[in-house]
Amino acid sequence: MLHKGEEIISVNARFLKMLQFEHEKEIVGRNITEFIDKSQRQHIKNRIDQFMKLEDEGSFFIDEVKVKTNQNHQLSVQATSIVIIINGENYIQTITQDVTENHRAKETLQ
């Protein structure tokens, strides 16, 4: 996923499938925090604000966030984000991985 601040600019097919959407146009232009659990929204907004102020590429952060799908199911997602600069403007590229099943397996083993 590529976003400028909190606005989603582009997503790939894998991200669409994970969030149970069919078309990119259903997500592009929306605020990324719409998909994040309310308890984590301020934390993510703060991270995004930090990234939008950076003056060079290469900084990254990894967070685990709870997101909701188009069907209102909750997923645990590991998000790795890096700042990229295009034509002098900061964007954030975020790679996501659904780790929900990993959490369920750990809980079962405990």
Protein backbone atom coordinates (compact mmCIF):
# COMPACT_ATOMS: atom_id res chain seq x y z
CA MET A 1 0.00 0.00 0.00
CA LEU A 2 1.18 3.52 -0.74
CA HIS A 3 -0.19 6.43 1.23
CA LYS A 4 0.50 10.14 1.49
CA GLY A 5 -0.10 11.02 5.08
CA GLU A 6 -3.30 9.22 5.98
CA GLU A 7 -4.70 9.16 2.42
CA ILE A 8 -4.38 5.84 0.61
CA ILE A 9 -2.91 6.37 -2.87
CA SER A 10 -2.50 2.82 -4.17
CA VAL A 11 -2.94 -0.79 -3.05
CA ASN A 12 -2.07 -4.13 -4.60
CA ALA A 13 -4.24 -7.21 -5.11
CA ARG A 14 -2.84 -8.94 -2.00
CA PHE A 15 -3.90 -6.04 0.22
CA LEU A 16 -7.36 -5.99 -1.37
CA LYS A 17 -7.78 -9.72 -0.74
CA MET A 18 -6.61 -9.43 2.87
CA LEU A 19 -9.19 -6.72 3.60
CA GLN A 20 -11.84 -8.49 1.50
CA PHE A 21 -12.32 -5.79 -1.13
CA GLU A 22 -12.69 -6.45 -4.83
CA HIS A 23 -11.53 -3.22 -6.43
CA GLU A 24 -8.78 -0.72 -5.70
CA LYS A 25 -11.25 2.13 -6.13
CA GLU A 26 -13.04 0.96 -2.96
CA ILE A 27 -9.97 1.87 -0.91
CA VAL A 28 -7.99 4.52 -2.80
CA GLY A 29 -8.64 8.02 -1.48
CA ARG A 30 -9.83 6.80 1.90
CA ASN A 31 -8.17 7.53 5.21
CA ILE A 32 -5.95 4.67 6.36
CA THR A 33 -7.15 5.04 9.94
CA GLU A 34 -10.67 3.96 8.89
CA PHE A 35 -9.33 0.41 8.83
CA ILE A 36 -7.40 0.55 12.11
CA ASP A 37 -8.86 -0.33 15.50
CA LYS A 38 -9.93 2.82 17.37
CA SER A 39 -7.59 2.06 20.26
CA GLN A 40 -4.56 2.29 17.95
CA ARG A 41 -5.55 5.16 15.67
CA GLN A 42 -3.77 7.95 17.55
CA HIS A 43 -0.55 5.95 17.71
CA ILE A 44 -0.63 5.37 13.95
CA LYS A 45 -1.50 9.02 13.27
CA ASN A 46 1.54 10.06 15.33
CA ARG A 47 3.78 7.67 13.37
CA ILE A 48 2.49 9.01 10.06
CA ASP A 49 3.02 12.61 11.19
CA GLN A 50 6.64 11.76 12.07
CA PHE A 51 7.24 10.16 8.69
CA MET A 52 5.75 13.04 6.75
CA LYS A 53 8.34 15.39 8.32
CA LEU A 54 11.42 13.32 7.47
CA GLU A 55 13.80 14.75 4.91
CA ASP A 56 15.45 11.56 3.70
CA GLU A 57 14.42 8.09 2.71
CA GLY A 58 15.24 4.91 4.53
CA SER A 59 13.58 5.42 7.89
CA PHE A 60 11.11 2.67 8.72
CA PHE A 61 8.93 1.36 11.47
CA ILE A 62 7.24 -1.94 12.22
CA ASP A 63 3.98 -2.06 14.11
CA GLU A 64 1.38 -4.68 14.78
CA VAL A 65 -2.09 -3.26 14.34
CA LYS A 66 -5.61 -4.53 14.51
CA VAL A 67 -7.51 -3.82 11.32
CA LYS A 68 -11.05 -4.47 10.19
CA THR A 69 -11.98 -6.03 6.89
CA ASN A 70 -14.78 -5.06 4.55
CA GLN A 71 -16.84 -7.74 6.32
CA ASN A 72 -16.04 -6.21 9.76
CA HIS A 73 -13.76 -9.09 10.77
CA GLN A 74 -10.77 -8.13 12.86
CA LEU A 75 -7.26 -9.11 11.78
CA SER A 76 -3.89 -8.73 13.45
CA VAL A 77 -1.52 -7.29 10.88
CA GLN A 78 2.20 -6.67 10.99
CA ALA A 79 2.84 -3.44 9.09
CA THR A 80 6.32 -2.46 7.95
CA SER A 81 6.42 1.11 6.68
CA ILE A 82 9.17 3.08 4.98
CA VAL A 83 9.25 6.68 3.83
CA ILE A 84 9.87 7.28 0.14
CA ILE A 85 10.27 10.66 -1.51
CA ILE A 86 8.72 11.23 -4.93
CA ASN A 87 9.22 14.61 -6.62
CA GLY A 88 10.20 16.11 -3.28
CA GLU A 89 7.08 14.88 -1.47
CA ASN A 90 6.96 12.26 1.28
CA TYR A 91 4.94 9.11 0.80
CA ILE A 92 4.80 6.02 2.96
CA GLN A 93 4.98 2.53 1.54
CA THR A 94 3.54 -0.05 3.90
CA ILE A 95 3.91 -3.78 3.51
CA THR A 96 1.38 -5.78 5.49
CA GLN A 97 1.21 -9.37 6.64
CA ASP A 98 -1.79 -10.99 8.29
CA VAL A 99 -0.54 -12.60 11.51
CA THR A 100 -3.98 -13.44 12.93
CA GLU A 101 -3.49 -17.20 12.62
CA ASN A 102 -0.09 -16.97 14.32
CA HIS A 103 -1.79 -15.40 17.35
CA ARG A 104 -4.50 -18.04 17.39
CA ALA A 105 -1.92 -20.83 17.26
CA LYS A 106 0.03 -19.31 20.17
CA GLU A 107 -3.15 -19.02 22.24
CA THR A 108 -4.03 -22.65 21.51
CA LEU A 109 -0.58 -23.82 22.62
CA GLN A 110 -0.78 -21.92 25.90
